[in-house]
Amino acid sequence: MDKEAAANVLEETKTAFLAKRKAELGDVTDAHAERVVKASLDWLDYITSMCNARQAANHARVRVEVIRMRFWEYNSHEANRRKEMGM
């Protein structure tokens, strides 16, 4: 599923994104760099994108499950109908 892949990529690269942004700050303590990065609009945008991608993937998964359930429900109904006609 493409939406699942997009969400996974953003989640898996979160640490790399944070490390890259911290390294760009130069010679500061790790804790200070992390606070600065996590307070930035870039970090907010990244986290927002990651959450939106996960939400889209979850919605897609639910839609697929609904379709799957309706298919099995239809098959079950048809099997019951055939059984009743054969009696």
PDB file of N, CA and C in Angstrom:
ATOM      1  N   MET A   1       0.851  -1.171   0.000  1.00  0.00           N
ATOM      2  CA  MET A   1       0.000   0.000   0.000  1.00  0.00           C
ATOM      3  C   MET A   1       0.901   1.241   0.000  1.00  0.00           C
ATOM      4  N   ASP A   2       0.704   2.119  -0.953  1.00  0.00           N
ATOM      5  CA  ASP A   2       1.553   3.304  -1.094  1.00  0.00           C
ATOM      6  C   ASP A   2       1.470   4.247   0.098  1.00  0.00           C
ATOM      7  N   LYS A   3       0.282   4.415   0.647  1.00  0.00           N
ATOM      8  CA  LYS A   3       0.120   5.324   1.784  1.00  0.00           C
ATOM      9  C   LYS A   3       0.840   4.780   3.006  1.00  0.00           C
ATOM     10  N   GLU A   4       0.802   3.482   3.179  1.00  0.00           N
ATOM     11  CA  GLU A   4       1.520   2.850   4.282  1.00  0.00           C
ATOM     12  C   GLU A   4       3.018   3.062   4.117  1.00  0.00           C
ATOM     13  N   ALA A   5       3.505   2.903   2.899  1.00  0.00           N
ATOM     14  CA  ALA A   5       4.931   3.091   2.622  1.00  0.00           C
ATOM     15  C   ALA A   5       5.355   4.533   2.898  1.00  0.00           C
ATOM     16  N   ALA A   6       4.536   5.479   2.491  1.00  0.00           N
ATOM     17  CA  ALA A   6       4.863   6.895   2.726  1.00  0.00           C
ATOM     18  C   ALA A   6       4.938   7.192   4.220  1.00  0.00           C
ATOM     19  N   ALA A   7       3.993   6.668   4.968  1.00  0.00           N
ATOM     20  CA  ALA A   7       4.003   6.890   6.416  1.00  0.00           C
ATOM     21  C   ALA A   7       5.226   6.232   7.052  1.00  0.00           C
ATOM     22  N   ASN A   8       5.549   5.023   6.622  1.00  0.00           N
ATOM     23  CA  ASN A   8       6.706   4.314   7.166  1.00  0.00           C
ATOM     24  C   ASN A   8       8.011   5.051   6.890  1.00  0.00           C
ATOM     25  N   VAL A   9       8.153   5.584   5.685  1.00  0.00           N
ATOM     26  CA  VAL A   9       9.378   6.313   5.338  1.00  0.00           C
ATOM     27  C   VAL A   9       9.560   7.516   6.260  1.00  0.00           C
ATOM     28  N   LEU A  10       8.498   8.260   6.464  1.00  0.00           N
ATOM     29  CA  LEU A  10       8.593   9.436   7.339  1.00  0.00           C
ATOM     30  C   LEU A  10       8.902   9.035   8.780  1.00  0.00           C
ATOM     31  N   GLU A  11       8.279   7.963   9.244  1.00  0.00           N
ATOM     32  CA  GLU A  11       8.545   7.520  10.614  1.00  0.00           C
ATOM     33  C   GLU A  11       9.974   7.001  10.766  1.00  0.00           C
ATOM     34  N   GLU A  12      10.447   6.261   9.771  1.00  0.00           N
ATOM     35  CA  GLU A  12      11.780   5.671   9.852  1.00  0.00           C
ATOM     36  C   GLU A  12      12.900   6.702   9.695  1.00  0.00           C
ATOM     37  N   THR A  13      12.622   7.809   9.027  1.00  0.00           N
ATOM     38  CA  THR A  13      13.661   8.828   8.819  1.00  0.00           C
ATOM     39  C   THR A  13      13.572   9.984   9.812  1.00  0.00           C
ATOM     40  N   LYS A  14      12.691   9.870  10.781  1.00  0.00           N
ATOM     41  CA  LYS A  14      12.523  10.926  11.788  1.00  0.00           C
ATOM     42  C   LYS A  14      13.834  11.182  12.538  1.00  0.00           C
ATOM     43  N   THR A  15      14.496  10.130  12.960  1.00  0.00           N
ATOM     44  CA  THR A  15      15.745  10.269  13.705  1.00  0.00           C
ATOM     45  C   THR A  15      16.839  10.874  12.832  1.00  0.00           C
ATOM     46  N   ALA A  16      16.897  10.447  11.575  1.00  0.00           N
ATOM     47  CA  ALA A  16      17.903  10.996  10.664  1.00  0.00           C
ATOM     48  C   ALA A  16      17.656  12.483  10.413  1.00  0.00           C
ATOM     49  N   PHE A  17      16.386  12.847  10.270  1.00  0.00           N
ATOM     50  CA  PHE A  17      16.033  14.257  10.063  1.00  0.00           C
ATOM     51  C   PHE A  17      16.474  15.090  11.273  1.00  0.00           C
ATOM     52  N   LEU A  18      16.181  14.577  12.467  1.00  0.00           N
ATOM     53  CA  LEU A  18      16.565  15.274  13.690  1.00  0.00           C
ATOM     54  C   LEU A  18      18.087  15.408  13.779  1.00  0.00           C
ATOM     55  N   ALA A  19      18.801  14.337  13.505  1.00  0.00           N
ATOM     56  CA  ALA A  19      20.271  14.358  13.587  1.00  0.00           C
ATOM     57  C   ALA A  19      20.866  15.347  12.591  1.00  0.00           C
ATOM     58  N   LYS A  20      20.326  15.374  11.383  1.00  0.00           N
ATOM     59  CA  LYS A  20      20.831  16.291  10.356  1.00  0.00           C
ATOM     60  C   LYS A  20      20.627  17.742  10.787  1.00  0.00           C
ATOM     61  N   ARG A  21      19.434  18.027  11.290  1.00  0.00           N
ATOM     62  CA  ARG A  21      19.146  19.412  11.708  1.00  0.00           C
ATOM     63  C   ARG A  21      20.003  19.812  12.915  1.00  0.00           C
ATOM     64  N   LYS A  22      20.262  18.879  13.832  1.00  0.00           N
ATOM     65  CA  LYS A  22      21.114  19.171  14.988  1.00  0.00           C
ATOM     66  C   LYS A  22      22.544  19.431  14.536  1.00  0.00           C
ATOM     67  N   ALA A  23      23.024  18.659  13.567  1.00  0.00           N
ATOM     68  CA  ALA A  23      24.393  18.827  13.069  1.00  0.00           C
ATOM     69  C   ALA A  23      24.573  20.184  12.395  1.00  0.00           C
ATOM     70  N   GLU A  24      23.519  20.682  11.775  1.00  0.00           N
ATOM     71  CA  GLU A  24      23.587  21.984  11.100  1.00  0.00           C
ATOM     72  C   GLU A  24      23.786  23.135  12.081  1.00  0.00           C
ATOM     73  N   LEU A  25      23.467  22.905  13.346  1.00  0.00           N
ATOM     74  CA  LEU A  25      23.606  23.965  14.346  1.00  0.00           C
ATOM     75  C   LEU A  25      25.051  24.162  14.800  1.00  0.00           C
ATOM     76  N   GLY A  26      25.903  23.217  14.488  1.00  0.00           N
ATOM     77  CA  GLY A  26      27.321  23.381  14.802  1.00  0.00           C
ATOM     78  C   GLY A  26      27.676  22.933  16.201  1.00  0.00           C
ATOM     79  N   ASP A  27      28.591  23.672  16.815  1.00  0.00           N
ATOM     80  CA  ASP A  27      29.200  23.278  18.082  1.00  0.00           C
ATOM     81  C   ASP A  27      28.353  23.738  19.277  1.00  0.00           C
ATOM     82  N   VAL A  28      27.246  23.034  19.503  1.00  0.00           N
ATOM     83  CA  VAL A  28      26.405  23.276  20.675  1.00  0.00           C
ATOM     84  C   VAL A  28      26.138  21.919  21.325  1.00  0.00           C
ATOM     85  N   THR A  29      25.690  21.942  22.556  1.00  0.00           N
ATOM     86  CA  THR A  29      25.410  20.663  23.213  1.00  0.00           C
ATOM     87  C   THR A  29      24.262  19.951  22.510  1.00  0.00           C
ATOM     88  N   ASP A  30      24.256  18.643  22.663  1.00  0.00           N
ATOM     89  CA  ASP A  30      23.221  17.836  22.027  1.00  0.00           C
ATOM     90  C   ASP A  30      21.830  18.217  22.537  1.00  0.00           C
ATOM     91  N   ALA A  31      21.720  18.415  23.830  1.00  0.00           N
ATOM     92  CA  ALA A  31      20.427  18.774  24.418  1.00  0.00           C
ATOM     93  C   ALA A  31      19.933  20.120  23.893  1.00  0.00           C
ATOM     94  N   HIS A  32      20.843  21.093  23.797  1.00  0.00           N
ATOM     95  CA  HIS A  32      20.462  22.406  23.279  1.00  0.00           C
ATOM     96  C   HIS A  32      20.041  22.305  21.814  1.00  0.00           C
ATOM     97  N   ALA A  33      20.822  21.585  21.033  1.00  0.00           N
ATOM     98  CA  ALA A  33      20.503  21.423  19.611  1.00  0.00           C
ATOM     99  C   ALA A  33      19.139  20.766  19.439  1.00  0.00           C
ATOM    100  N   GLU A  34      18.859  19.749  20.251  1.00  0.00           N
ATOM    101  CA  GLU A  34      17.565  19.067  20.148  1.00  0.00           C
ATOM    102  C   GLU A  34      16.415  19.999  20.493  1.00  0.00           C
ATOM    103  N   ARG A  35      16.584  20.805  21.534  1.00  0.00           N
ATOM    104  CA  ARG A  35      15.536  21.774  21.889  1.00  0.00           C
ATOM    105  C   ARG A  35      15.292  22.762  20.760  1.00  0.00           C
ATOM    106  N   VAL A  36      16.376  23.268  20.162  1.00  0.00           N
ATOM    107  CA  VAL A  36      16.252  24.241  19.075  1.00  0.00           C
ATOM    108  C   VAL A  36      15.533  23.622  17.877  1.00  0.00           C
ATOM    109  N   VAL A  37      15.958  22.415  17.501  1.00  0.00           N
ATOM    110  CA  VAL A  37      15.352  21.752  16.337  1.00  0.00           C
ATOM    111  C   VAL A  37      13.880  21.462  16.598  1.00  0.00           C
ATOM    112  N   LYS A  38      13.581  20.913  17.763  1.00  0.00           N
ATOM    113  CA  LYS A  38      12.189  20.540  18.050  1.00  0.00           C
ATOM    114  C   LYS A  38      11.283  21.750  18.243  1.00  0.00           C
ATOM    115  N   ALA A  39      11.853  22.916  18.427  1.00  0.00           N
ATOM    116  CA  ALA A  39      11.070  24.149  18.518  1.00  0.00           C
ATOM    117  C   ALA A  39      10.900  24.826  17.156  1.00  0.00           C
ATOM    118  N   SER A  40      11.547  24.288  16.133  1.00  0.00           N
ATOM    119  CA  SER A  40      11.531  24.934  14.817  1.00  0.00           C
ATOM    120  C   SER A  40      10.284  24.582  14.006  1.00  0.00           C
ATOM    121  N   LEU A  41       9.992  25.448  13.048  1.00  0.00           N
ATOM    122  CA  LEU A  41       8.868  25.196  12.145  1.00  0.00           C
ATOM    123  C   LEU A  41       9.139  24.005  11.228  1.00  0.00           C
ATOM    124  N   ASP A  42      10.414  23.785  10.871  1.00  0.00           N
ATOM    125  CA  ASP A  42      10.762  22.623  10.049  1.00  0.00           C
ATOM    126  C   ASP A  42      10.369  21.323  10.750  1.00  0.00           C
ATOM    127  N   TRP A  43      10.673  21.241  12.045  1.00  0.00           N
ATOM    128  CA  TRP A  43      10.334  20.044  12.810  1.00  0.00           C
ATOM    129  C   TRP A  43       8.815  19.886  12.905  1.00  0.00           C
ATOM    130  N   LEU A  44       8.115  20.981  13.153  1.00  0.00           N
ATOM    131  CA  LEU A  44       6.654  20.943  13.210  1.00  0.00           C
ATOM    132  C   LEU A  44       6.079  20.464  11.885  1.00  0.00           C
ATOM    133  N   ASP A  45       6.595  20.990  10.785  1.00  0.00           N
ATOM    134  CA  ASP A  45       6.139  20.557   9.456  1.00  0.00           C
ATOM    135  C   ASP A  45       6.400  19.073   9.240  1.00  0.00           C
ATOM    136  N   TYR A  46       7.586  18.611   9.647  1.00  0.00           N
ATOM    137  CA  TYR A  46       7.938  17.206   9.468  1.00  0.00           C
ATOM    138  C   TYR A  46       6.996  16.307  10.272  1.00  0.00           C
ATOM    139  N   ILE A  47       6.802  16.638  11.533  1.00  0.00           N
ATOM    140  CA  ILE A  47       5.935  15.832  12.397  1.00  0.00           C
ATOM    141  C   ILE A  47       4.491  15.870  11.896  1.00  0.00           C
ATOM    142  N   THR A  48       4.043  17.027  11.453  1.00  0.00           N
ATOM    143  CA  THR A  48       2.686  17.150  10.914  1.00  0.00           C
ATOM    144  C   THR A  48       2.532  16.278   9.672  1.00  0.00           C
ATOM    145  N   SER A  49       3.518  16.314   8.784  1.00  0.00           N
ATOM    146  CA  SER A  49       3.485  15.474   7.578  1.00  0.00           C
ATOM    147  C   SER A  49       3.472  13.997   7.940  1.00  0.00           C
ATOM    148  N   MET A  50       4.273  13.636   8.923  1.00  0.00           N
ATOM    149  CA  MET A  50       4.345  12.246   9.348  1.00  0.00           C
ATOM    150  C   MET A  50       2.991  11.782   9.916  1.00  0.00           C
ATOM    151  N   CYS A  51       2.382  12.606  10.737  1.00  0.00           N
ATOM    152  CA  CYS A  51       1.085  12.257  11.317  1.00  0.00           C
ATOM    153  C   CYS A  51      -0.015  12.196  10.254  1.00  0.00           C
ATOM    154  N   ASN A  52       0.009  13.134   9.322  1.00  0.00           N
ATOM    155  CA  ASN A  52      -0.975  13.124   8.239  1.00  0.00           C
ATOM    156  C   ASN A  52      -0.827  11.889   7.359  1.00  0.00           C
ATOM    157  N   ALA A  53       0.406  11.502   7.093  1.00  0.00           N
ATOM    158  CA  ALA A  53       0.652  10.300   6.282  1.00  0.00           C
ATOM    159  C   ALA A  53       0.163   9.055   7.011  1.00  0.00           C
ATOM    160  N   ARG A  54       0.401   8.979   8.310  1.00  0.00           N
ATOM    161  CA  ARG A  54      -0.065   7.824   9.094  1.00  0.00           C
ATOM    162  C   ARG A  54      -1.582   7.781   9.124  1.00  0.00           C
ATOM    163  N   GLN A  55      -2.205   8.957   9.279  1.00  0.00           N
ATOM    164  CA  GLN A  55      -3.666   9.030   9.289  1.00  0.00           C
ATOM    165  C   GLN A  55      -4.238   8.562   7.947  1.00  0.00           C
ATOM    166  N   ALA A  56      -3.649   9.007   6.849  1.00  0.00           N
ATOM    167  CA  ALA A  56      -4.109   8.586   5.526  1.00  0.00           C
ATOM    168  C   ALA A  56      -3.948   7.081   5.348  1.00  0.00           C
ATOM    169  N   ALA A  57      -2.836   6.530   5.815  1.00  0.00           N
ATOM    170  CA  ALA A  57      -2.614   5.085   5.720  1.00  0.00           C
ATOM    171  C   ALA A  57      -3.639   4.322   6.546  1.00  0.00           C
ATOM    172  N   ASN A  58      -3.936   4.820   7.728  1.00  0.00           N
ATOM    173  CA  ASN A  58      -4.931   4.160   8.576  1.00  0.00           C
ATOM    174  C   ASN A  58      -6.322   4.202   7.952  1.00  0.00           C
ATOM    175  N   HIS A  59      -6.684   5.337   7.381  1.00  0.00           N
ATOM    176  CA  HIS A  59      -7.989   5.457   6.712  1.00  0.00           C
ATOM    177  C   HIS A  59      -8.067   4.502   5.520  1.00  0.00           C
ATOM    178  N   ALA A  60      -6.993   4.414   4.766  1.00  0.00           N
ATOM    179  CA  ALA A  60      -6.974   3.501   3.616  1.00  0.00           C
ATOM    180  C   ALA A  60      -7.118   2.058   4.086  1.00  0.00           C
ATOM    181  N   ARG A  61      -6.437   1.700   5.166  1.00  0.00           N
ATOM    182  CA  ARG A  61      -6.517   0.342   5.701  1.00  0.00           C
ATOM    183  C   ARG A  61      -7.954   0.016   6.133  1.00  0.00           C
ATOM    184  N   VAL A  62      -8.625   0.977   6.764  1.00  0.00           N
ATOM    185  CA  VAL A  62     -10.003   0.779   7.199  1.00  0.00           C
ATOM    186  C   VAL A  62     -10.925   0.606   5.993  1.00  0.00           C
ATOM    187  N   ARG A  63     -10.715   1.429   4.958  1.00  0.00           N
ATOM    188  CA  ARG A  63     -11.547   1.305   3.752  1.00  0.00           C
ATOM    189  C   ARG A  63     -11.378  -0.068   3.112  1.00  0.00           C
ATOM    190  N   VAL A  64     -10.153  -0.556   3.054  1.00  0.00           N
ATOM    191  CA  VAL A  64      -9.900  -1.885   2.488  1.00  0.00           C
ATOM    192  C   VAL A  64     -10.588  -2.951   3.340  1.00  0.00           C
ATOM    193  N   GLU A  65     -10.524  -2.813   4.639  1.00  0.00           N
ATOM    194  CA  GLU A  65     -11.153  -3.792   5.525  1.00  0.00           C
ATOM    195  C   GLU A  65     -12.668  -3.787   5.368  1.00  0.00           C
ATOM    196  N   VAL A  66     -13.263  -2.614   5.198  1.00  0.00           N
ATOM    197  CA  VAL A  66     -14.713  -2.524   4.976  1.00  0.00           C
ATOM    198  C   VAL A  66     -15.086  -3.235   3.682  1.00  0.00           C
ATOM    199  N   ILE A  67     -14.315  -3.011   2.635  1.00  0.00           N
ATOM    200  CA  ILE A  67     -14.581  -3.682   1.356  1.00  0.00           C
ATOM    201  C   ILE A  67     -14.460  -5.196   1.525  1.00  0.00           C
ATOM    202  N   ARG A  68     -13.426  -5.628   2.234  1.00  0.00           N
ATOM    203  CA  ARG A  68     -13.229  -7.065   2.471  1.00  0.00           C
ATOM    204  C   ARG A  68     -14.409  -7.659   3.249  1.00  0.00           C
ATOM    205  N   MET A  69     -14.875  -6.942   4.272  1.00  0.00           N
ATOM    206  CA  MET A  69     -16.005  -7.429   5.071  1.00  0.00           C
ATOM    207  C   MET A  69     -17.275  -7.497   4.239  1.00  0.00           C
ATOM    208  N   ARG A  70     -17.496  -6.490   3.413  1.00  0.00           N
ATOM    209  CA  ARG A  70     -18.687  -6.510   2.555  1.00  0.00           C
ATOM    210  C   ARG A  70     -18.624  -7.655   1.562  1.00  0.00           C
ATOM    211  N   PHE A  71     -17.455  -7.953   1.039  1.00  0.00           N
ATOM    212  CA  PHE A  71     -17.287  -9.073   0.115  1.00  0.00           C
ATOM    213  C   PHE A  71     -17.656 -10.384   0.798  1.00  0.00           C
ATOM    214  N   TRP A  72     -17.122 -10.617   1.997  1.00  0.00           N
ATOM    215  CA  TRP A  72     -17.427 -11.857   2.718  1.00  0.00           C
ATOM    216  C   TRP A  72     -18.890 -11.920   3.118  1.00  0.00           C
ATOM    217  N   GLU A  73     -19.453 -10.789   3.465  1.00  0.00           N
ATOM    218  CA  GLU A  73     -20.872 -10.738   3.803  1.00  0.00           C
ATOM    219  C   GLU A  73     -21.719 -11.109   2.583  1.00  0.00           C
ATOM    220  N   TYR A  74     -21.366 -10.564   1.426  1.00  0.00           N
ATOM    221  CA  TYR A  74     -22.080 -10.878   0.191  1.00  0.00           C
ATOM    222  C   TYR A  74     -21.948 -12.366  -0.143  1.00  0.00           C
ATOM    223  N   ASN A  75     -20.720 -12.894  -0.042  1.00  0.00           N
ATOM    224  CA  ASN A  75     -20.509 -14.319  -0.334  1.00  0.00           C
ATOM    225  C   ASN A  75     -21.329 -15.194   0.595  1.00  0.00           C
ATOM    226  N   SER A  76     -21.368 -14.840   1.863  1.00  0.00           N
ATOM    227  CA  SER A  76     -22.129 -15.607   2.836  1.00  0.00           C
ATOM    228  C   SER A  76     -23.620 -15.557   2.502  1.00  0.00           C
ATOM    229  N   HIS A  77     -24.096 -14.378   2.170  1.00  0.00           N
ATOM    230  CA  HIS A  77     -25.506 -14.214   1.799  1.00  0.00           C
ATOM    231  C   HIS A  77     -25.836 -15.050   0.568  1.00  0.00           C
ATOM    232  N   GLU A  78     -24.968 -15.017  -0.434  1.00  0.00           N
ATOM    233  CA  GLU A  78     -25.193 -15.788  -1.651  1.00  0.00           C
ATOM    234  C   GLU A  78     -25.163 -17.290  -1.371  1.00  0.00           C
ATOM    235  N   ALA A  79     -24.266 -17.725  -0.518  1.00  0.00           N
ATOM    236  CA  ALA A  79     -24.194 -19.147  -0.166  1.00  0.00           C
ATOM    237  C   ALA A  79     -25.476 -19.577   0.544  1.00  0.00           C
ATOM    238  N   ASN A  80     -25.961 -18.740   1.433  1.00  0.00           N
ATOM    239  CA  ASN A  80     -27.213 -19.049   2.128  1.00  0.00           C
ATOM    240  C   ASN A  80     -28.377 -19.103   1.136  1.00  0.00           C
ATOM    241  N   ARG A  81     -28.395 -18.183   0.202  1.00  0.00           N
ATOM    242  CA  ARG A  81     -29.463 -18.141  -0.803  1.00  0.00           C
ATOM    243  C   ARG A  81     -29.432 -19.399  -1.653  1.00  0.00           C
ATOM    244  N   ARG A  82     -28.250 -19.818  -2.085  1.00  0.00           N
ATOM    245  CA  ARG A  82     -28.126 -21.034  -2.884  1.00  0.00           C
ATOM    246  C   ARG A  82     -28.583 -22.262  -2.078  1.00  0.00           C
ATOM    247  N   LYS A  83     -28.209 -22.296  -0.813  1.00  0.00           N
ATOM    248  CA  LYS A  83     -28.582 -23.413   0.047  1.00  0.00           C
ATOM    249  C   LYS A  83     -30.094 -23.477   0.181  1.00  0.00           C
ATOM    250  N   GLU A  84     -30.745 -22.315   0.385  1.00  0.00           N
ATOM    251  CA  GLU A  84     -32.196 -22.268   0.525  1.00  0.00           C
ATOM    252  C   GLU A  84     -32.898 -22.680  -0.758  1.00  0.00           C
ATOM    253  N   MET A  85     -32.345 -22.300  -1.900  1.00  0.00           N
ATOM    254  CA  MET A  85     -32.956 -22.658  -3.190  1.00  0.00           C
ATOM    255  C   MET A  85     -32.834 -24.155  -3.454  1.00  0.00           C
ATOM    256  N   GLY A  86     -31.790 -24.763  -2.934  1.00  0.00           N
ATOM    257  CA  GLY A  86     -31.578 -26.188  -3.149  1.00  0.00           C
ATOM    258  C   GLY A  86     -32.446 -27.062  -2.269  1.00  0.00           C
ATOM    259  N   MET A  87     -33.035 -26.474  -1.275  1.00  0.00           N
ATOM    260  CA  MET A  87     -33.864 -27.280  -0.355  1.00  0.00           C
ATOM    261  C   MET A  87     -35.204 -27.555  -0.884  1.00  0.00           C
TER     262      MET A  87
END
